[in-house]
Amino acid sequence: MSSRPRAVASLAAAMILVGSSVAVGRSMTAALPLSFASLARFVLASLALVPLVMIVEGRFPRVSRRTFYALLAQAACGSFAFTACLLSGLKLTGAASAGVTAAATPAVVTLLGAVCFKERPGRLALVGIGCVTAGLAVLGFASGGPVVGPAPLWGNALVLLAVCFEAVFLLLRRAVREPLSPLAAAMWVSLLGGLFFLIPGVWEALTLDFGHIPPRAVGEVVYYGLGVTAAAYMFWFYGVVRVDAATAGVACGVMPVAALACAALWCGESIGWREMAGCAGVLAGILCLAGGAGKK
């Protein structure tokens, strides 16, 4: 597999993990306070990534002041703001509905890429965007089913705000010019993400009855820390610097598809033919970009 298809596959893997966090997060925050669960997630990710970086790279990776600020901005947008908005929104709306709302991610990423990086999508990128847009439009028509959650409108608005923060986070990695491995970047963002949740997370922990935490919630925190955080960050950081913003945006189309699938499997929400048709459109867009190999 050449560099571009490998990068697209890595981005898609990251978005599958992030998409699964919609359903897992809804279940997790029903049992645990938001800040405590988020702090535990980043602590677990850091405990896995710091020793791994030391083993693989032989040292703790130092960064320049400029790179540190860029990583801090990534943690503020993608670790803190995205997590806070997404998990708060999931308390108010259903996982499937949130997955449909997350369909805005490719459009926002591509728009930011055009504005910030002056990138004009090539013809194959436009075809891929078209396939993803068509698939996600079909998903949008599927949101008229039974209402799930106490305030779906406000919940979906928070999820949409989370999408905006996620788009900024996803593209900020491209602004880091200093050589930094995907593993080291994931480690830094995890450490800084935990720092943002440290005070509110510890505050919530002081009032938490640890003896009554259900085992399922513990497993969800572990998955959030090792899968959604550590593994997803590494996959994304590897791929995003090897493709243009339009390709990264289309790869984000996997996120709502994964969210819908996990909403059915993990939360028991119903998924119909429209969701399946939407998934087909998104996958067609990903395959189109993966086979394009940078052609215009």
C-alpha atoms as a PDB file:
ATOM      1  CA  MET A   1       0.000   0.000   0.000  1.00  0.00           C
ATOM      2  CA  SER A   2       1.474   3.388  -1.044  1.00  0.00           C
ATOM      3  CA  SER A   3       1.725   6.391   1.254  1.00  0.00           C
ATOM      4  CA  ARG A   4      -1.560   8.138   0.355  1.00  0.00           C
ATOM      5  CA  PRO A   5      -3.908   5.111   0.648  1.00  0.00           C
ATOM      6  CA  ARG A   6      -2.164   4.182   3.898  1.00  0.00           C
ATOM      7  CA  ALA A   7      -2.720   7.709   5.207  1.00  0.00           C
ATOM      8  CA  VAL A   8      -6.405   7.643   4.198  1.00  0.00           C
ATOM      9  CA  ALA A   9      -6.831   4.255   5.880  1.00  0.00           C
ATOM     10  CA  SER A  10      -5.196   5.644   9.024  1.00  0.00           C
ATOM     11  CA  LEU A  11      -7.553   8.642   9.035  1.00  0.00           C
ATOM     12  CA  ALA A  12     -10.559   6.370   8.533  1.00  0.00           C
ATOM     13  CA  ALA A  13      -9.440   4.163  11.447  1.00  0.00           C
ATOM     14  CA  ALA A  14      -9.155   7.242  13.659  1.00  0.00           C
ATOM     15  CA  MET A  15     -12.653   8.374  12.707  1.00  0.00           C
ATOM     16  CA  ILE A  16     -14.126   4.917  13.394  1.00  0.00           C
ATOM     17  CA  LEU A  17     -12.755   5.146  16.921  1.00  0.00           C
ATOM     18  CA  VAL A  18     -13.955   8.737  17.361  1.00  0.00           C
ATOM     19  CA  GLY A  19     -17.372   7.824  15.945  1.00  0.00           C
ATOM     20  CA  SER A  20     -17.712   4.980  18.408  1.00  0.00           C
ATOM     21  CA  SER A  21     -17.111   7.466  21.208  1.00  0.00           C
ATOM     22  CA  VAL A  22     -20.560   8.982  20.555  1.00  0.00           C
ATOM     23  CA  ALA A  23     -22.418   5.868  21.690  1.00  0.00           C
ATOM     24  CA  VAL A  24     -19.875   4.861  24.338  1.00  0.00           C
ATOM     25  CA  GLY A  25     -19.770   8.422  25.682  1.00  0.00           C
ATOM     26  CA  ARG A  26     -23.548   8.591  26.025  1.00  0.00           C
ATOM     27  CA  SER A  27     -23.553   5.426  28.090  1.00  0.00           C
ATOM     28  CA  MET A  28     -20.476   6.439  30.102  1.00  0.00           C
ATOM     29  CA  THR A  29     -21.780   9.872  31.131  1.00  0.00           C
ATOM     30  CA  ALA A  30     -25.043   8.316  32.259  1.00  0.00           C
ATOM     31  CA  ALA A  31     -23.040   6.586  35.001  1.00  0.00           C
ATOM     32  CA  LEU A  32     -20.108   8.940  35.652  1.00  0.00           C
ATOM     33  CA  PRO A  33     -19.606  12.722  35.996  1.00  0.00           C
ATOM     34  CA  LEU A  34     -18.295  14.276  32.771  1.00  0.00           C
ATOM     35  CA  SER A  35     -15.072  15.866  34.064  1.00  0.00           C
ATOM     36  CA  PHE A  36     -14.080  12.864  36.165  1.00  0.00           C
ATOM     37  CA  ALA A  37     -14.614  10.467  33.261  1.00  0.00           C
ATOM     38  CA  SER A  38     -12.629  12.762  30.954  1.00  0.00           C
ATOM     39  CA  LEU A  39      -9.763  13.092  33.433  1.00  0.00           C
ATOM     40  CA  ALA A  40      -9.641   9.306  33.885  1.00  0.00           C
ATOM     41  CA  ARG A  41      -9.597   8.898  30.103  1.00  0.00           C
ATOM     42  CA  PHE A  42      -6.568  11.153  29.616  1.00  0.00           C
ATOM     43  CA  VAL A  43      -4.730   9.704  32.609  1.00  0.00           C
ATOM     44  CA  LEU A  44      -5.109   6.215  31.142  1.00  0.00           C
ATOM     45  CA  ALA A  45      -3.987   7.391  27.713  1.00  0.00           C
ATOM     46  CA  SER A  46      -0.952   9.143  29.200  1.00  0.00           C
ATOM     47  CA  LEU A  47      -0.002   6.127  31.307  1.00  0.00           C
ATOM     48  CA  ALA A  48       0.036   4.049  28.121  1.00  0.00           C
ATOM     49  CA  LEU A  49       1.682   6.577  25.800  1.00  0.00           C
ATOM     50  CA  VAL A  50       4.485   8.033  27.952  1.00  0.00           C
ATOM     51  CA  PRO A  51       6.245   4.664  28.566  1.00  0.00           C
ATOM     52  CA  LEU A  52       5.606   3.657  24.938  1.00  0.00           C
ATOM     53  CA  VAL A  53       7.250   6.842  23.656  1.00  0.00           C
ATOM     54  CA  MET A  54      10.220   6.318  25.969  1.00  0.00           C
ATOM     55  CA  ILE A  55      10.659   2.764  24.709  1.00  0.00           C
ATOM     56  CA  VAL A  56      10.194   3.509  20.999  1.00  0.00           C
ATOM     57  CA  GLU A  57      12.053   6.827  20.814  1.00  0.00           C
ATOM     58  CA  GLY A  58      14.501   6.316  23.669  1.00  0.00           C
ATOM     59  CA  ARG A  59      13.760   9.662  25.313  1.00  0.00           C
ATOM     60  CA  PHE A  60      11.021  12.045  26.334  1.00  0.00           C
ATOM     61  CA  PRO A  61      10.339  14.162  23.223  1.00  0.00           C
ATOM     62  CA  ARG A  62      11.023  17.849  23.838  1.00  0.00           C
ATOM     63  CA  VAL A  63       9.342  20.470  21.693  1.00  0.00           C
ATOM     64  CA  SER A  64       9.946  24.139  20.919  1.00  0.00           C
ATOM     65  CA  ARG A  65       7.816  26.852  22.499  1.00  0.00           C
ATOM     66  CA  ARG A  66       5.923  27.399  19.229  1.00  0.00           C
ATOM     67  CA  THR A  67       5.137  23.691  18.878  1.00  0.00           C
ATOM     68  CA  PHE A  68       4.086  23.512  22.537  1.00  0.00           C
ATOM     69  CA  TYR A  69       1.588  26.324  22.005  1.00  0.00           C
ATOM     70  CA  ALA A  70       0.227  24.577  18.900  1.00  0.00           C
ATOM     71  CA  LEU A  71      -0.184  21.342  20.881  1.00  0.00           C
ATOM     72  CA  LEU A  72      -1.786  23.294  23.726  1.00  0.00           C
ATOM     73  CA  ALA A  73      -4.277  24.766  21.253  1.00  0.00           C
ATOM     74  CA  GLN A  74      -5.006  21.272  19.935  1.00  0.00           C
ATOM     75  CA  ALA A  75      -5.625  20.011  23.458  1.00  0.00           C
ATOM     76  CA  ALA A  76      -7.852  23.000  24.236  1.00  0.00           C
ATOM     77  CA  CYS A  77      -9.974  22.456  21.096  1.00  0.00           C
ATOM     78  CA  GLY A  78      -9.929  18.708  20.537  1.00  0.00           C
ATOM     79  CA  SER A  79      -9.415  17.344  24.026  1.00  0.00           C
ATOM     80  CA  PHE A  80     -11.186  19.818  26.287  1.00  0.00           C
ATOM     81  CA  ALA A  81     -13.787  21.773  24.269  1.00  0.00           C
ATOM     82  CA  PHE A  82     -14.748  18.906  21.949  1.00  0.00           C
ATOM     83  CA  THR A  83     -15.100  16.441  24.815  1.00  0.00           C
ATOM     84  CA  ALA A  84     -17.055  18.856  27.025  1.00  0.00           C
ATOM     85  CA  CYS A  85     -19.493  19.826  24.244  1.00  0.00           C
ATOM     86  CA  LEU A  86     -19.922  16.278  22.897  1.00  0.00           C
ATOM     87  CA  LEU A  87     -20.506  14.578  26.238  1.00  0.00           C
ATOM     88  CA  SER A  88     -22.764  17.403  27.447  1.00  0.00           C
ATOM     89  CA  GLY A  89     -24.784  17.144  24.237  1.00  0.00           C
ATOM     90  CA  LEU A  90     -25.067  13.371  24.548  1.00  0.00           C
ATOM     91  CA  LYS A  91     -26.852  13.827  27.872  1.00  0.00           C
ATOM     92  CA  LEU A  92     -29.594  15.677  25.990  1.00  0.00           C
ATOM     93  CA  THR A  93     -29.929  13.806  22.671  1.00  0.00           C
ATOM     94  CA  GLY A  94     -29.674  10.279  21.278  1.00  0.00           C
ATOM     95  CA  ALA A  95     -26.466   8.709  19.965  1.00  0.00           C
ATOM     96  CA  ALA A  96     -27.925   8.160  16.477  1.00  0.00           C
ATOM     97  CA  SER A  97     -29.098  11.774  16.240  1.00  0.00           C
ATOM     98  CA  ALA A  98     -25.704  12.992  17.420  1.00  0.00           C
ATOM     99  CA  GLY A  99     -24.071  10.824  14.771  1.00  0.00           C
ATOM    100  CA  VAL A 100     -26.151  12.503  12.070  1.00  0.00           C
ATOM    101  CA  THR A 101     -25.193  15.926  13.461  1.00  0.00           C
ATOM    102  CA  ALA A 102     -21.532  14.916  13.306  1.00  0.00           C
ATOM    103  CA  ALA A 103     -21.989  14.638   9.540  1.00  0.00           C
ATOM    104  CA  ALA A 104     -21.029  18.310   9.380  1.00  0.00           C
ATOM    105  CA  THR A 105     -17.402  17.400  10.157  1.00  0.00           C
ATOM    106  CA  PRO A 106     -16.185  16.854   6.542  1.00  0.00           C
ATOM    107  CA  ALA A 107     -17.694  20.118   5.354  1.00  0.00           C
ATOM    108  CA  VAL A 108     -16.202  22.093   8.242  1.00  0.00           C
ATOM    109  CA  VAL A 109     -12.739  20.516   7.815  1.00  0.00           C
ATOM    110  CA  THR A 110     -12.720  21.132   4.061  1.00  0.00           C
ATOM    111  CA  LEU A 111     -13.913  24.714   4.532  1.00  0.00           C
ATOM    112  CA  LEU A 112     -11.213  25.435   7.099  1.00  0.00           C
ATOM    113  CA  GLY A 113      -8.616  23.857   4.807  1.00  0.00           C
ATOM    114  CA  ALA A 114      -9.652  26.155   1.953  1.00  0.00           C
ATOM    115  CA  VAL A 115      -9.665  29.251   4.179  1.00  0.00           C
ATOM    116  CA  CYS A 116      -6.561  28.570   6.282  1.00  0.00           C
ATOM    117  CA  PHE A 117      -4.346  26.547   3.913  1.00  0.00           C
ATOM    118  CA  LYS A 118      -5.571  27.909   0.536  1.00  0.00           C
ATOM    119  CA  GLU A 119      -6.135  24.367  -0.740  1.00  0.00           C
ATOM    120  CA  ARG A 120      -8.349  23.816  -3.779  1.00  0.00           C
ATOM    121  CA  PRO A 121      -9.817  20.283  -3.883  1.00  0.00           C
ATOM    122  CA  GLY A 122      -8.927  18.266  -7.014  1.00  0.00           C
ATOM    123  CA  ARG A 123     -11.522  16.512  -9.155  1.00  0.00           C
ATOM    124  CA  LEU A 124     -11.220  13.170  -7.376  1.00  0.00           C
ATOM    125  CA  ALA A 125     -11.483  14.964  -4.036  1.00  0.00           C
ATOM    126  CA  LEU A 126     -14.661  16.653  -5.270  1.00  0.00           C
ATOM    127  CA  VAL A 127     -16.068  13.279  -6.340  1.00  0.00           C
ATOM    128  CA  GLY A 128     -15.229  11.887  -2.909  1.00  0.00           C
ATOM    129  CA  ILE A 129     -16.815  14.897  -1.210  1.00  0.00           C
ATOM    130  CA  GLY A 130     -19.897  14.434  -3.391  1.00  0.00           C
ATOM    131  CA  CYS A 131     -20.229  10.761  -2.425  1.00  0.00           C
ATOM    132  CA  VAL A 132     -19.837  11.544   1.254  1.00  0.00           C
ATOM    133  CA  THR A 133     -22.237  14.493   1.072  1.00  0.00           C
ATOM    134  CA  ALA A 134     -24.852  12.344  -0.669  1.00  0.00           C
ATOM    135  CA  GLY A 135     -24.451   9.598   1.914  1.00  0.00           C
ATOM    136  CA  LEU A 136     -24.680  12.013   4.806  1.00  0.00           C
ATOM    137  CA  ALA A 137     -27.708  13.722   3.248  1.00  0.00           C
ATOM    138  CA  VAL A 138     -29.446  10.336   3.268  1.00  0.00           C
ATOM    139  CA  LEU A 139     -28.486   9.963   6.924  1.00  0.00           C
ATOM    140  CA  GLY A 140     -30.000  13.352   7.636  1.00  0.00           C
ATOM    141  CA  PHE A 141     -33.393  12.175   6.414  1.00  0.00           C
ATOM    142  CA  ALA A 142     -33.168   9.329   8.929  1.00  0.00           C
ATOM    143  CA  SER A 143     -33.325  11.644  11.921  1.00  0.00           C
ATOM    144  CA  GLY A 144     -37.086  11.889  12.024  1.00  0.00           C
ATOM    145  CA  GLY A 145     -37.624   8.767  14.112  1.00  0.00           C
ATOM    146  CA  PRO A 146     -38.538   8.536  17.782  1.00  0.00           C
ATOM    147  CA  VAL A 147     -37.119  11.351  19.915  1.00  0.00           C
ATOM    148  CA  VAL A 148     -34.295  10.191  22.197  1.00  0.00           C
ATOM    149  CA  GLY A 149     -33.092  12.409  25.035  1.00  0.00           C
ATOM    150  CA  PRO A 150     -34.636  15.156  27.199  1.00  0.00           C
ATOM    151  CA  ALA A 151     -33.664  18.101  24.921  1.00  0.00           C
ATOM    152  CA  PRO A 152     -32.595  16.904  21.444  1.00  0.00           C
ATOM    153  CA  LEU A 153     -32.420  20.404  19.924  1.00  0.00           C
ATOM    154  CA  TRP A 154     -29.973  21.734  22.518  1.00  0.00           C
ATOM    155  CA  GLY A 155     -28.115  18.435  22.565  1.00  0.00           C
ATOM    156  CA  ASN A 156     -27.574  18.465  18.805  1.00  0.00           C
ATOM    157  CA  ALA A 157     -26.508  22.127  18.984  1.00  0.00           C
ATOM    158  CA  LEU A 158     -23.802  21.177  21.482  1.00  0.00           C
ATOM    159  CA  VAL A 159     -22.710  18.286  19.266  1.00  0.00           C
ATOM    160  CA  LEU A 160     -22.483  20.666  16.297  1.00  0.00           C
ATOM    161  CA  LEU A 161     -20.327  23.011  18.384  1.00  0.00           C
ATOM    162  CA  ALA A 162     -18.152  20.013  19.256  1.00  0.00           C
ATOM    163  CA  VAL A 163     -17.777  19.314  15.519  1.00  0.00           C
ATOM    164  CA  CYS A 164     -16.418  22.829  14.990  1.00  0.00           C
ATOM    165  CA  PHE A 165     -13.834  22.353  17.748  1.00  0.00           C
ATOM    166  CA  GLU A 166     -12.957  18.928  16.317  1.00  0.00           C
ATOM    167  CA  ALA A 167     -12.357  20.403  12.861  1.00  0.00           C
ATOM    168  CA  VAL A 168      -9.944  22.984  14.307  1.00  0.00           C
ATOM    169  CA  PHE A 169      -8.179  20.248  16.279  1.00  0.00           C
ATOM    170  CA  LEU A 170      -7.848  17.988  13.241  1.00  0.00           C
ATOM    171  CA  LEU A 171      -6.233  20.675  11.105  1.00  0.00           C
ATOM    172  CA  LEU A 172      -4.010  22.267  13.770  1.00  0.00           C
ATOM    173  CA  ARG A 173      -1.614  19.318  13.445  1.00  0.00           C
ATOM    174  CA  ARG A 174      -0.757  20.589   9.968  1.00  0.00           C
ATOM    175  CA  ALA A 175       0.460  23.853  11.506  1.00  0.00           C
ATOM    176  CA  VAL A 176       3.165  22.036  13.504  1.00  0.00           C
ATOM    177  CA  ARG A 177       6.344  22.332  11.424  1.00  0.00           C
ATOM    178  CA  GLU A 178       8.687  20.732  13.936  1.00  0.00           C
ATOM    179  CA  PRO A 179       9.318  17.004  13.324  1.00  0.00           C
ATOM    180  CA  LEU A 180       7.145  15.132  15.813  1.00  0.00           C
ATOM    181  CA  SER A 181       6.152  11.500  15.518  1.00  0.00           C
ATOM    182  CA  PRO A 182       2.449  10.534  15.668  1.00  0.00           C
ATOM    183  CA  LEU A 183       3.198   8.705  18.919  1.00  0.00           C
ATOM    184  CA  ALA A 184       4.844  11.743  20.519  1.00  0.00           C
ATOM    185  CA  ALA A 185       2.085  14.093  19.316  1.00  0.00           C
ATOM    186  CA  ALA A 186      -0.582  11.786  20.772  1.00  0.00           C
ATOM    187  CA  MET A 187       1.319  11.677  24.071  1.00  0.00           C
ATOM    188  CA  TRP A 188       1.596  15.468  24.310  1.00  0.00           C
ATOM    189  CA  VAL A 189      -2.079  16.076  23.504  1.00  0.00           C
ATOM    190  CA  SER A 190      -3.140  13.433  26.042  1.00  0.00           C
ATOM    191  CA  LEU A 191      -0.993  14.981  28.782  1.00  0.00           C
ATOM    192  CA  LEU A 192      -2.295  18.470  28.044  1.00  0.00           C
ATOM    193  CA  GLY A 193      -5.881  17.237  27.752  1.00  0.00           C
ATOM    194  CA  GLY A 194      -5.640  15.724  31.215  1.00  0.00           C
ATOM    195  CA  LEU A 195      -4.283  19.031  32.517  1.00  0.00           C
ATOM    196  CA  PHE A 196      -7.410  20.866  31.321  1.00  0.00           C
ATOM    197  CA  PHE A 197      -9.680  18.423  33.182  1.00  0.00           C
ATOM    198  CA  LEU A 198      -7.495  18.096  36.298  1.00  0.00           C
ATOM    199  CA  ILE A 199      -9.229  20.533  38.659  1.00  0.00           C
ATOM    200  CA  PRO A 200     -12.893  19.810  37.744  1.00  0.00           C
ATOM    201  CA  GLY A 201     -12.140  16.070  37.505  1.00  0.00           C
ATOM    202  CA  VAL A 202     -10.573  15.911  40.972  1.00  0.00           C
ATOM    203  CA  TRP A 203     -13.444  18.006  42.368  1.00  0.00           C
ATOM    204  CA  GLU A 204     -16.014  15.541  41.023  1.00  0.00           C
ATOM    205  CA  ALA A 205     -13.951  12.579  42.254  1.00  0.00           C
ATOM    206  CA  LEU A 206     -14.189  13.875  45.831  1.00  0.00           C
ATOM    207  CA  THR A 207     -17.978  13.465  45.757  1.00  0.00           C
ATOM    208  CA  LEU A 208     -18.071  10.179  43.826  1.00  0.00           C
ATOM    209  CA  ASP A 209     -18.988   6.853  45.426  1.00  0.00           C
ATOM    210  CA  PHE A 210     -16.423   4.562  43.765  1.00  0.00           C
ATOM    211  CA  GLY A 211     -18.058   1.473  45.228  1.00  0.00           C
ATOM    212  CA  HIS A 212     -21.171   1.992  43.115  1.00  0.00           C
ATOM    213  CA  ILE A 213     -19.495   2.552  39.728  1.00  0.00           C
ATOM    214  CA  PRO A 214     -20.842  -0.144  37.361  1.00  0.00           C
ATOM    215  CA  PRO A 215     -18.245  -2.409  35.649  1.00  0.00           C
ATOM    216  CA  ARG A 216     -19.605  -1.390  32.241  1.00  0.00           C
ATOM    217  CA  ALA A 217     -18.737   2.254  32.955  1.00  0.00           C
ATOM    218  CA  VAL A 218     -15.200   1.253  33.990  1.00  0.00           C
ATOM    219  CA  GLY A 219     -14.768  -0.609  30.712  1.00  0.00           C
ATOM    220  CA  GLU A 220     -16.068   2.391  28.776  1.00  0.00           C
ATOM    221  CA  VAL A 221     -13.532   4.691  30.451  1.00  0.00           C
ATOM    222  CA  VAL A 222     -10.730   2.261  29.579  1.00  0.00           C
ATOM    223  CA  TYR A 223     -11.917   2.103  25.964  1.00  0.00           C
ATOM    224  CA  TYR A 224     -12.184   5.888  25.828  1.00  0.00           C
ATOM    225  CA  GLY A 225      -8.647   6.266  27.159  1.00  0.00           C
ATOM    226  CA  LEU A 226      -6.812   3.604  25.154  1.00  0.00           C
ATOM    227  CA  GLY A 227      -8.930   3.479  21.999  1.00  0.00           C
ATOM    228  CA  VAL A 228     -10.663   6.822  21.443  1.00  0.00           C
ATOM    229  CA  THR A 229      -7.749   8.841  22.834  1.00  0.00           C
ATOM    230  CA  ALA A 230      -4.390   7.062  22.481  1.00  0.00           C
ATOM    231  CA  ALA A 231      -4.991   4.970  19.340  1.00  0.00           C
ATOM    232  CA  ALA A 232      -7.226   7.476  17.522  1.00  0.00           C
ATOM    233  CA  TYR A 233      -4.771  10.329  18.085  1.00  0.00           C
ATOM    234  CA  MET A 234      -1.881   8.261  16.685  1.00  0.00           C
ATOM    235  CA  PHE A 235      -3.870   7.223  13.612  1.00  0.00           C
ATOM    236  CA  TRP A 236      -4.973  10.787  12.909  1.00  0.00           C
ATOM    237  CA  PHE A 237      -1.575  12.410  13.475  1.00  0.00           C
ATOM    238  CA  TYR A 238       0.009   9.888  11.102  1.00  0.00           C
ATOM    239  CA  GLY A 239      -2.456  10.516   8.270  1.00  0.00           C
ATOM    240  CA  VAL A 240      -3.335  14.218   8.460  1.00  0.00           C
ATOM    241  CA  VAL A 241       0.156  15.481   7.531  1.00  0.00           C
ATOM    242  CA  ARG A 242       0.257  13.211   4.449  1.00  0.00           C
ATOM    243  CA  VAL A 243      -2.947  14.356   2.723  1.00  0.00           C
ATOM    244  CA  ASP A 244      -4.651  17.650   1.867  1.00  0.00           C
ATOM    245  CA  ALA A 245      -7.472  19.123   3.927  1.00  0.00           C
ATOM    246  CA  ALA A 246     -10.181  18.001   1.472  1.00  0.00           C
ATOM    247  CA  THR A 247      -9.090  14.374   1.800  1.00  0.00           C
ATOM    248  CA  ALA A 248      -8.941  14.685   5.582  1.00  0.00           C
ATOM    249  CA  GLY A 249     -12.422  16.182   5.510  1.00  0.00           C
ATOM    250  CA  VAL A 250     -13.871  13.303   3.516  1.00  0.00           C
ATOM    251  CA  ALA A 251     -12.175  10.785   5.807  1.00  0.00           C
ATOM    252  CA  CYS A 252     -14.100  12.445   8.639  1.00  0.00           C
ATOM    253  CA  GLY A 253     -17.264  11.133   6.956  1.00  0.00           C
ATOM    254  CA  VAL A 254     -16.520   7.772   8.552  1.00  0.00           C
ATOM    255  CA  MET A 255     -17.207   9.301  11.967  1.00  0.00           C
ATOM    256  CA  PRO A 256     -21.027   9.609  11.739  1.00  0.00           C
ATOM    257  CA  VAL A 257     -21.262   6.195  10.080  1.00  0.00           C
ATOM    258  CA  ALA A 258     -19.377   4.631  12.988  1.00  0.00           C
ATOM    259  CA  ALA A 259     -21.502   6.638  15.414  1.00  0.00           C
ATOM    260  CA  LEU A 260     -24.720   5.270  13.924  1.00  0.00           C
ATOM    261  CA  ALA A 261     -23.450   1.699  13.939  1.00  0.00           C
ATOM    262  CA  CYS A 262     -22.385   1.948  17.571  1.00  0.00           C
ATOM    263  CA  ALA A 263     -25.658   3.640  18.501  1.00  0.00           C
ATOM    264  CA  ALA A 264     -27.385   0.467  17.344  1.00  0.00           C
ATOM    265  CA  LEU A 265     -24.888  -2.016  18.800  1.00  0.00           C
ATOM    266  CA  TRP A 266     -24.088  -0.290  22.113  1.00  0.00           C
ATOM    267  CA  CYS A 267     -27.169   1.825  22.882  1.00  0.00           C
ATOM    268  CA  GLY A 268     -29.827  -0.292  21.173  1.00  0.00           C
ATOM    269  CA  GLU A 269     -31.114   2.558  18.973  1.00  0.00           C
ATOM    270  CA  SER A 270     -32.849   1.557  15.733  1.00  0.00           C
ATOM    271  CA  ILE A 271     -30.993   1.794  12.396  1.00  0.00           C
ATOM    272  CA  GLY A 272     -32.892   1.472   9.080  1.00  0.00           C
ATOM    273  CA  TRP A 273     -32.292   1.368   5.326  1.00  0.00           C
ATOM    274  CA  ARG A 274     -31.530   5.092   5.119  1.00  0.00           C
ATOM    275  CA  GLU A 275     -28.630   4.730   7.534  1.00  0.00           C
ATOM    276  CA  MET A 276     -27.283   1.790   5.537  1.00  0.00           C
ATOM    277  CA  ALA A 277     -27.551   3.764   2.256  1.00  0.00           C
ATOM    278  CA  GLY A 278     -25.746   6.658   3.900  1.00  0.00           C
ATOM    279  CA  CYS A 279     -22.937   4.353   5.006  1.00  0.00           C
ATOM    280  CA  ALA A 280     -22.536   3.123   1.415  1.00  0.00           C
ATOM    281  CA  GLY A 281     -22.136   6.701   0.143  1.00  0.00           C
ATOM    282  CA  VAL A 282     -19.528   7.533   2.752  1.00  0.00           C
ATOM    283  CA  LEU A 283     -17.504   4.393   2.069  1.00  0.00           C
ATOM    284  CA  ALA A 284     -17.634   5.096  -1.685  1.00  0.00           C
ATOM    285  CA  GLY A 285     -16.116   8.519  -1.029  1.00  0.00           C
ATOM    286  CA  ILE A 286     -13.330   7.065   1.101  1.00  0.00           C
ATOM    287  CA  LEU A 287     -12.482   4.434  -1.545  1.00  0.00           C
ATOM    288  CA  CYS A 288     -12.485   7.097  -4.259  1.00  0.00           C
ATOM    289  CA  LEU A 289      -9.931   9.203  -2.375  1.00  0.00           C
ATOM    290  CA  ALA A 290      -7.820   6.234  -1.328  1.00  0.00           C
ATOM    291  CA  GLY A 291      -7.465   5.155  -4.968  1.00  0.00           C
ATOM    292  CA  GLY A 292      -6.875   8.653  -6.300  1.00  0.00           C
ATOM    293  CA  ALA A 293      -3.240   8.812  -5.184  1.00  0.00           C
ATOM    294  CA  GLY A 294      -3.246  12.592  -5.358  1.00  0.00           C
ATOM    295  CA  LYS A 295      -4.505  12.933  -8.946  1.00  0.00           C
ATOM    296  CA  LYS A 296      -6.281  16.126  -9.916  1.00  0.00           C
END
